[in-house]
C-alpha atoms as a PDB file:
ATOM      1  CA  MET A   1      54.637 102.301  86.396  1.00  0.00           C
ATOM      2  CA  CYS A   2      51.463 103.670  85.019  1.00  0.00           C
ATOM      3  CA  GLY A   3      48.596 105.474  86.663  1.00  0.00           C
ATOM      4  CA  VAL A   4      45.328 103.638  86.087  1.00  0.00           C
ATOM      5  CA  PRO A   5      42.463 105.960  85.117  1.00  0.00           C
ATOM      6  CA  GLU A   6      39.665 106.231  87.636  1.00  0.00           C
ATOM      7  CA  ALA A   7      36.474 108.188  87.809  1.00  0.00           C
ATOM      8  CA  GLY A   8      36.949 111.075  90.193  1.00  0.00           C
ATOM      9  CA  ALA A   9      40.718 110.719  90.427  1.00  0.00           C
ATOM     10  CA  SER A  10      42.599 113.973  90.358  1.00  0.00           C
ATOM     11  CA  GLY A  11      46.073 115.048  89.347  1.00  0.00           C
ATOM     12  CA  PRO A  12      48.253 113.778  86.516  1.00  0.00           C
ATOM     13  CA  LEU A  13      48.608 110.278  87.892  1.00  0.00           C
ATOM     14  CA  GLY A  14      44.903 109.960  88.474  1.00  0.00           C
ATOM     15  CA  ALA A  15      44.472 110.927  84.837  1.00  0.00           C
ATOM     16  CA  GLY A  16      46.636 108.018  83.820  1.00  0.00           C
ATOM     17  CA  SER A  17      49.710 109.912  82.605  1.00  0.00           C
ATOM     18  CA  CYS A  18      52.944 107.955  82.532  1.00  0.00           C
ATOM     19  CA  GLY A  19      55.040 108.919  79.568  1.00  0.00           C
ATOM     20  CA  ALA A  20      55.024 105.819  77.387  1.00  0.00           C
ATOM     21  CA  SER A  21      51.690 104.254  78.302  1.00  0.00           C
ATOM     22  CA  ALA A  22      51.259 101.446  75.802  1.00  0.00           C
ATOM     23  CA  GLY A  23      51.359  98.839  78.559  1.00  0.00           C
ATOM     24  CA  SER A  24      48.765 100.421  80.825  1.00  0.00           C
ATOM     25  CA  ARG A  25      45.268  99.027  80.995  1.00  0.00           C
ATOM     26  CA  PRO A  26      42.175 101.085  81.826  1.00  0.00           C
ATOM     27  CA  HIS A  27      39.723  99.599  84.301  1.00  0.00           C
ATOM     28  CA  SER A  28      35.965  99.620  84.649  1.00  0.00           C
ATOM     29  CA  GLY A  29      33.861  98.477  87.553  1.00  0.00           C
ATOM     30  CA  ARG A  30      35.186  97.607  90.966  1.00  0.00           C
ATOM     31  CA  GLY A  31      38.943  97.381  91.376  1.00  0.00           C
ATOM     32  CA  PRO A  32      41.629  98.043  94.005  1.00  0.00           C
ATOM     33  CA  ARG A  33      41.083 101.812  93.954  1.00  0.00           C
ATOM     34  CA  ASP A  34      37.367 101.352  94.506  1.00  0.00           C
ATOM     35  CA  PHE A  35      38.085  98.928  97.342  1.00  0.00           C
ATOM     36  CA  VAL A  36      40.419 101.425  99.053  1.00  0.00           C
ATOM     37  CA  ALA A  37      37.719 104.100  98.785  1.00  0.00           C
ATOM     38  CA  PHE A  38      35.191 101.657 100.272  1.00  0.00           C
ATOM     39  CA  LEU A  39      37.471 100.761 103.190  1.00  0.00           C
ATOM     40  CA  ASP A  40      38.217 104.419 103.895  1.00  0.00           C
ATOM     41  CA  ALA A  41      34.506 105.203 103.926  1.00  0.00           C
ATOM     42  CA  GLN A  42      34.166 102.681 106.759  1.00  0.00           C
ATOM     43  CA  SER A  43      37.217 103.946 108.642  1.00  0.00           C
ATOM     44  CA  GLY A  44      37.731 107.700 108.539  1.00  0.00           C
ATOM     45  CA  ALA A  45      38.370 110.775 106.452  1.00  0.00           C
ATOM     46  CA  PRO A  46      41.184 110.614 103.863  1.00  0.00           C
ATOM     47  CA  VAL A  47      44.040 113.068 104.323  1.00  0.00           C
ATOM     48  CA  HIS A  48      44.464 113.428 100.551  1.00  0.00           C
ATOM     49  CA  PRO A  49      41.578 113.136  98.079  1.00  0.00           C
ATOM     50  CA  ASP A  50      42.972 110.835  95.424  1.00  0.00           C
ATOM     51  CA  VAL A  51      43.641 107.131  95.774  1.00  0.00           C
ATOM     52  CA  ILE A  52      47.186 106.421  94.576  1.00  0.00           C
ATOM     53  CA  GLY A  53      47.108 103.484  92.194  1.00  0.00           C
ATOM     54  CA  PHE A  54      48.939 101.753  89.380  1.00  0.00           C
ATOM     55  CA  GLU A  55      49.269  98.508  87.456  1.00  0.00           C
ATOM     56  CA  ARG A  56      52.571  97.115  86.233  1.00  0.00           C
ATOM     57  CA  GLU A  57      53.762  93.980  84.482  1.00  0.00           C
ATOM     58  CA  ASP A  58      57.156  92.542  85.382  1.00  0.00           C
ATOM     59  CA  GLN A  59      58.589  89.560  83.551  1.00  0.00           C
ATOM     60  CA  ARG A  60      60.962  88.851  86.442  1.00  0.00           C
ATOM     61  CA  MET A  61      58.023  87.583  88.469  1.00  0.00           C
ATOM     62  CA  ALA A  62      56.113  86.374  85.394  1.00  0.00           C
ATOM     63  CA  GLY A  63      53.090  88.442  86.232  1.00  0.00           C
ATOM     64  CA  THR A  64      51.530  91.777  87.040  1.00  0.00           C
ATOM     65  CA  VAL A  65      50.919  93.783  90.177  1.00  0.00           C
ATOM     66  CA  GLU A  66      48.080  96.206  90.752  1.00  0.00           C
ATOM     67  CA  ALA A  67      48.071  98.312  93.897  1.00  0.00           C
ATOM     68  CA  ALA A  68      46.142 101.199  95.403  1.00  0.00           C
ATOM     69  CA  LEU A  69      46.697 103.098  98.636  1.00  0.00           C
ATOM     70  CA  ARG A  70      45.738 106.181 100.606  1.00  0.00           C
ATOM     71  CA  TRP A  71      46.277 107.563 104.100  1.00  0.00           C
ATOM     72  CA  CYS A  72      43.328 108.560 106.246  1.00  0.00           C
ATOM     73  CA  ASP A  73      42.873 109.959 109.742  1.00  0.00           C
ATOM     74  CA  SER A  74      41.814 106.709 111.416  1.00  0.00           C
ATOM     75  CA  PRO A  75      44.273 104.635 113.487  1.00  0.00           C
ATOM     76  CA  GLY A  76      45.872 101.401 112.376  1.00  0.00           C
ATOM     77  CA  GLU A  77      46.661  99.904 108.998  1.00  0.00           C
ATOM     78  CA  ARG A  78      44.163  98.302 106.608  1.00  0.00           C
ATOM     79  CA  VAL A  79      45.715  96.090 103.910  1.00  0.00           C
ATOM     80  CA  ARG A  80      43.793  93.628 101.735  1.00  0.00           C
ATOM     81  CA  SER A  81      45.553  91.347  99.287  1.00  0.00           C
ATOM     82  CA  PHE A  82      44.756  89.077  96.353  1.00  0.00           C
ATOM     83  CA  ALA A  83      46.724  86.612  94.247  1.00  0.00           C
ATOM     84  CA  ASN A  84      45.327  85.338  90.967  1.00  0.00           C
ATOM     85  CA  SER A  85      41.981  86.857  91.932  1.00  0.00           C
ATOM     86  CA  ARG A  86      41.679  84.983  95.241  1.00  0.00           C
ATOM     87  CA  PRO A  87      41.978  86.676  98.643  1.00  0.00           C
ATOM     88  CA  THR A  88      45.222  85.909 100.479  1.00  0.00           C
ATOM     89  CA  ARG A  89      44.039  86.265 104.048  1.00  0.00           C
ATOM     90  CA  GLU A  90      47.445  85.427 105.498  1.00  0.00           C
ATOM     91  CA  ASP A  91      49.219  87.895 103.188  1.00  0.00           C
ATOM     92  CA  GLY A  92      52.629  86.884 101.853  1.00  0.00           C
ATOM     93  CA  ALA A  93      55.291  88.167  99.478  1.00  0.00           C
ATOM     94  CA  HIS A  94      53.077  90.713  97.701  1.00  0.00           C
ATOM     95  CA  VAL A  95      52.057  92.363 100.982  1.00  0.00           C
ATOM     96  CA  ALA A  96      55.652  92.371 102.242  1.00  0.00           C
ATOM     97  CA  GLY A  97      56.689  93.989  98.958  1.00  0.00           C
ATOM     98  CA  LEU A  98      53.964  96.617  99.274  1.00  0.00           C
ATOM     99  CA  ARG A  99      55.146  97.550 102.761  1.00  0.00           C
ATOM    100  CA  ASP A 100      58.803  97.539 101.679  1.00  0.00           C
ATOM    101  CA  GLY A 101      58.045  99.855  98.758  1.00  0.00           C
ATOM    102  CA  VAL A 102      55.957 102.294 100.792  1.00  0.00           C
ATOM    103  CA  ALA A 103      58.619 102.444 103.524  1.00  0.00           C
ATOM    104  CA  ALA A 104      61.406 103.051 101.002  1.00  0.00           C
ATOM    105  CA  ALA A 105      59.518 105.870  99.264  1.00  0.00           C
ATOM    106  CA  VAL A 106      58.483 107.582 102.496  1.00  0.00           C
ATOM    107  CA  ASN A 107      61.943 107.386 104.073  1.00  0.00           C
ATOM    108  CA  ALA A 108      63.563 108.754 100.916  1.00  0.00           C
ATOM    109  CA  TYR A 109      61.039 111.613 100.927  1.00  0.00           C
ATOM    110  CA  VAL A 110      61.650 112.651 104.534  1.00  0.00           C
ATOM    111  CA  ARG A 111      65.427 112.399 104.146  1.00  0.00           C
ATOM    112  CA  GLU A 112      65.420 114.543 101.021  1.00  0.00           C
ATOM    113  CA  ARG A 113      63.561 117.194 103.013  1.00  0.00           C
ATOM    114  CA  GLN A 114      65.996 116.842 105.921  1.00  0.00           C
ATOM    115  CA  LEU A 115      63.272 115.700 108.296  1.00  0.00           C
ATOM    116  CA  LEU A 116      65.686 112.893 109.161  1.00  0.00           C
ATOM    117  CA  THR A 117      69.407 113.341 109.646  1.00  0.00           C
ATOM    118  CA  ALA A 118      72.038 110.881 108.520  1.00  0.00           C
ATOM    119  CA  ALA A 119      72.268 109.672 112.124  1.00  0.00           C
ATOM    120  CA  ASP A 120      68.526 109.072 112.484  1.00  0.00           C
ATOM    121  CA  PRO A 121      67.125 105.594 111.848  1.00  0.00           C
ATOM    122  CA  ASP A 122      64.544 105.151 109.133  1.00  0.00           C
ATOM    123  CA  LEU A 123      60.918 105.603 110.085  1.00  0.00           C
ATOM    124  CA  ALA A 124      59.608 102.242 111.223  1.00  0.00           C
ATOM    125  CA  ALA A 125      57.109 100.300 109.141  1.00  0.00           C
ATOM    126  CA  ASP A 126      54.430 100.521 111.832  1.00  0.00           C
ATOM    127  CA  ARG A 127      54.777 104.308 111.899  1.00  0.00           C
ATOM    128  CA  ILE A 128      54.480 104.533 108.111  1.00  0.00           C
ATOM    129  CA  GLY A 129      51.506 102.167 108.093  1.00  0.00           C
ATOM    130  CA  GLU A 130      49.563 104.209 110.616  1.00  0.00           C
ATOM    131  CA  GLY A 131      46.407 105.386 108.852  1.00  0.00           C
ATOM    132  CA  LEU A 132      47.283 103.567 105.618  1.00  0.00           C
ATOM    133  CA  THR A 133      44.631 101.797 103.579  1.00  0.00           C
ATOM    134  CA  ALA A 134      46.001  99.638 100.765  1.00  0.00           C
ATOM    135  CA  VAL A 135      44.980  96.895  98.359  1.00  0.00           C
ATOM    136  CA  VAL A 136      47.527  94.841  96.420  1.00  0.00           C
ATOM    137  CA  SER A 137      46.699  92.241  93.792  1.00  0.00           C
ATOM    138  CA  VAL A 138      49.080  90.117  91.739  1.00  0.00           C
ATOM    139  CA  LYS A 139      48.406  87.894  88.743  1.00  0.00           C
ATOM    140  CA  LEU A 140      51.146  85.298  88.321  1.00  0.00           C
ATOM    141  CA  ASP A 141      51.833  82.589  85.777  1.00  0.00           C
ATOM    142  CA  ARG A 142      53.271  80.330  88.496  1.00  0.00           C
ATOM    143  CA  PRO A 143      51.964  81.366  91.926  1.00  0.00           C
ATOM    144  CA  GLU A 144      53.385  79.733  95.060  1.00  0.00           C
ATOM    145  CA  PHE A 145      50.759  79.317  97.753  1.00  0.00           C
ATOM    146  CA  LEU A 146      52.128  78.280 101.142  1.00  0.00           C
ATOM    147  CA  GLY A 147      50.790  77.274 104.522  1.00  0.00           C
ATOM    148  CA  ALA A 148      48.288  74.675 105.639  1.00  0.00           C
ATOM    149  CA  THR A 149      45.427  76.522 103.967  1.00  0.00           C
ATOM    150  CA  HIS A 150      47.485  77.884 101.060  1.00  0.00           C
ATOM    151  CA  GLY A 151      46.615  81.340 102.351  1.00  0.00           C
ATOM    152  CA  VAL A 152      50.149  82.760 102.067  1.00  0.00           C
ATOM    153  CA  LEU A 153      51.716  83.838  98.781  1.00  0.00           C
ATOM    154  CA  GLY A 154      55.400  82.946  98.471  1.00  0.00           C
ATOM    155  CA  GLY A 155      58.096  84.034  96.046  1.00  0.00           C
ATOM    156  CA  ALA A 156      61.150  86.202  96.676  1.00  0.00           C
ATOM    157  CA  ALA A 157      60.889  87.632  93.158  1.00  0.00           C
ATOM    158  CA  VAL A 158      57.326  88.747  93.852  1.00  0.00           C
ATOM    159  CA  ARG A 159      58.360  90.653  96.968  1.00  0.00           C
ATOM    160  CA  GLY A 160      61.211  92.444  95.213  1.00  0.00           C
ATOM    161  CA  CYS A 161      59.227  93.334  92.093  1.00  0.00           C
ATOM    162  CA  VAL A 162      56.225  94.620  94.044  1.00  0.00           C
ATOM    163  CA  ALA A 163      58.496  96.666  96.331  1.00  0.00           C
ATOM    164  CA  GLU A 164      60.260  98.250  93.366  1.00  0.00           C
ATOM    165  CA  ALA A 165      57.013  99.096  91.588  1.00  0.00           C
ATOM    166  CA  VAL A 166      55.413 100.611  94.689  1.00  0.00           C
ATOM    167  CA  ARG A 167      58.525 102.614  95.592  1.00  0.00           C
ATOM    168  CA  GLU A 168      58.903 104.079  92.103  1.00  0.00           C
ATOM    169  CA  HIS A 169      55.240 104.927  91.676  1.00  0.00           C
ATOM    170  CA  LEU A 170      54.769 106.414  95.149  1.00  0.00           C
ATOM    171  CA  SER A 171      57.981 108.451  94.801  1.00  0.00           C
ATOM    172  CA  ARG A 172      56.687 109.877  91.547  1.00  0.00           C
ATOM    173  CA  TRP A 173      53.358 110.722  93.164  1.00  0.00           C
ATOM    174  CA  PHE A 174      55.183 112.537  95.976  1.00  0.00           C
ATOM    175  CA  GLU A 175      57.014 114.655  93.388  1.00  0.00           C
ATOM    176  CA  GLU A 176      54.034 115.365  91.152  1.00  0.00           C
ATOM    177  CA  GLN A 177      51.568 116.064  93.995  1.00  0.00           C
ATOM    178  CA  PRO A 178      53.604 118.075  96.542  1.00  0.00           C
ATOM    179  CA  GLU A 179      50.682 119.421  98.578  1.00  0.00           C
ATOM    180  CA  ARG A 180      49.037 116.023  98.842  1.00  0.00           C
ATOM    181  CA  ALA A 181      52.379 114.416  99.595  1.00  0.00           C
ATOM    182  CA  GLU A 182      52.849 116.871 102.451  1.00  0.00           C
ATOM    183  CA  ALA A 183      49.438 115.914 103.841  1.00  0.00           C
ATOM    184  CA  ALA A 184      50.225 112.199 103.623  1.00  0.00           C
ATOM    185  CA  VAL A 185      53.663 112.511 105.221  1.00  0.00           C
ATOM    186  CA  GLY A 186      52.276 114.876 107.847  1.00  0.00           C
ATOM    187  CA  ARG A 187      49.843 112.126 108.797  1.00  0.00           C
ATOM    188  CA  ILE A 188      52.729 109.672 109.106  1.00  0.00           C
ATOM    189  CA  LEU A 189      54.737 112.049 111.293  1.00  0.00           C
ATOM    190  CA  GLN A 190      51.917 112.573 113.785  1.00  0.00           C
ATOM    191  CA  GLY A 191      53.198 111.437 117.141  1.00  0.00           C
ATOM    192  CA  ALA A 192      56.778 111.216 115.874  1.00  0.00           C
ATOM    193  CA  PRO A 193      59.659 111.596 118.349  1.00  0.00           C
ATOM    194  CA  PRO A 194      60.914 115.113 119.202  1.00  0.00           C
ATOM    195  CA  GLY A 195      62.681 116.701 116.264  1.00  0.00           C
ATOM    196  CA  LEU A 196      60.342 115.097 113.723  1.00  0.00           C
ATOM    197  CA  SER A 197      57.400 117.426 114.192  1.00  0.00           C
ATOM    198  CA  SER A 198      54.630 117.099 111.623  1.00  0.00           C
ATOM    199  CA  SER A 199      54.090 120.869 111.875  1.00  0.00           C
ATOM    200  CA  ARG A 200      57.534 121.558 110.494  1.00  0.00           C
ATOM    201  CA  PRO A 201      57.307 122.893 106.923  1.00  0.00           C
ATOM    202  CA  LEU A 202      58.237 120.372 104.254  1.00  0.00           C
ATOM    203  CA  PRO A 203      60.639 122.083 101.824  1.00  0.00           C
ATOM    204  CA  PRO A 204      60.329 121.317  98.125  1.00  0.00           C
ATOM    205  CA  VAL A 205      62.717 118.942  96.430  1.00  0.00           C
ATOM    206  CA  PRO A 206      64.266 119.696  93.030  1.00  0.00           C
ATOM    207  CA  ARG A 207      62.325 117.931  90.300  1.00  0.00           C
ATOM    208  CA  SER A 208      65.415 116.505  88.645  1.00  0.00           C
ATOM    209  CA  ARG A 209      64.067 113.010  89.197  1.00  0.00           C
ATOM    210  CA  ALA A 210      60.542 113.895  88.209  1.00  0.00           C
ATOM    211  CA  ALA A 211      61.337 113.111  84.596  1.00  0.00           C
ATOM    212  CA  ALA A 212      60.317 109.632  85.553  1.00  0.00           C
ATOM    213  CA  ARG A 213      61.482 106.402  84.103  1.00  0.00           C
ATOM    214  CA  PRO A 214      59.353 105.193  81.233  1.00  0.00           C
ATOM    215  CA  CYS A 215      56.749 102.532  81.875  1.00  0.00           C
ATOM    216  CA  THR A 216      58.232  99.088  81.996  1.00  0.00           C
ATOM    217  CA  THR A 217      54.969  97.308  81.332  1.00  0.00           C
ATOM    218  CA  SER A 218      54.787  95.205  78.209  1.00  0.00           C
ATOM    219  CA  SER A 219      51.936  93.907  76.121  1.00  0.00           C
ATOM    220  CA  GLY A 220      53.383  90.628  74.798  1.00  0.00           C
ATOM    221  CA  ARG A 221      51.904  87.879  76.947  1.00  0.00           C
ATOM    222  CA  SER A 222      49.752  90.179  79.020  1.00  0.00           C
ATOM    223  CA  ALA A 223      46.633  89.743  76.897  1.00  0.00           C
ATOM    224  CA  ALA A 224      46.530  86.010  77.550  1.00  0.00           C
ATOM    225  CA  ARG A 225      47.434  86.433  81.211  1.00  0.00           C
ATOM    226  CA  HIS A 226      44.683  88.970  81.825  1.00  0.00           C
ATOM    227  CA  VAL A 227      41.829  87.140  80.116  1.00  0.00           C
ATOM    228  CA  GLY A 228      39.087  87.071  82.726  1.00  0.00           C
ATOM    229  CA  HIS A 229      41.357  88.355  85.509  1.00  0.00           C
ATOM    230  CA  ALA A 230      39.646  91.734  85.846  1.00  0.00           C
ATOM    231  CA  ASP A 231      36.226  90.106  86.200  1.00  0.00           C
ATOM    232  CA  LEU A 232      37.530  87.532  88.701  1.00  0.00           C
ATOM    233  CA  LEU A 233      39.242  90.228  90.763  1.00  0.00           C
ATOM    234  CA  ARG A 234      36.071  92.312  90.839  1.00  0.00           C
ATOM    235  CA  GLU A 235      34.154  89.251  92.039  1.00  0.00           C
ATOM    236  CA  ALA A 236      36.750  88.636  94.767  1.00  0.00           C
ATOM    237  CA  ILE A 237      36.585  92.265  95.889  1.00  0.00           C
ATOM    238  CA  ASP A 238      32.787  92.174  95.832  1.00  0.00           C
ATOM    239  CA  GLY A 239      32.961  89.143  98.119  1.00  0.00           C
ATOM    240  CA  ALA A 240      35.359  90.900 100.488  1.00  0.00           C
ATOM    241  CA  VAL A 241      33.148  94.006 100.566  1.00  0.00           C
ATOM    242  CA  GLY A 242      30.188  91.830 101.480  1.00  0.00           C
ATOM    243  CA  GLU A 243      31.930  90.222 104.451  1.00  0.00           C
END
């Protein structure tokens, strides 16, 4: 999973570092990170300055996923989604995968820091989504649109691949940005049950896993798949911003 360069992004992931980066694609103009920043500007102050974002190709779902997310101090969850450059207003597999991946990364983080015991249940998805702003976009060779208005994206493979990509990338960001990770998780733990106080110090975790897996993106069919996609996605985001 590769960090996508962005103007104003900070830290190694914001700079686009990812070991082997041949499969990453730089972006210009409006994209998911810009959309997250726009939504946060309408909602509240971010609790960490950089928007976490990446793009990854996965042949198992015959497509790519691009996602961006950040926690802010406003209540509720704000998630916008796109499939093949069209808004998916009723969400679907890509949004479920995003939430699965974020929940897995956050729960692993708090357990590694012993903020949860083995007997404690995982933090619930609604707790983790509190204050979260996220945009997820997939580009698929064979999309499955469901529902009366075709506003839901289907596909079990899509959900699993998006979840894996989000979990791996967010886990890496937690390890490489410890102070910002503490701020994000502290936001999640606000209002947690007794024993999960957000004021409790978050101990560091050994960086044995920080030698992250190499990027699994590939460049074979991606050139054909992405012809025009960036422009179409920007147009879709522009339309959503104008709503």
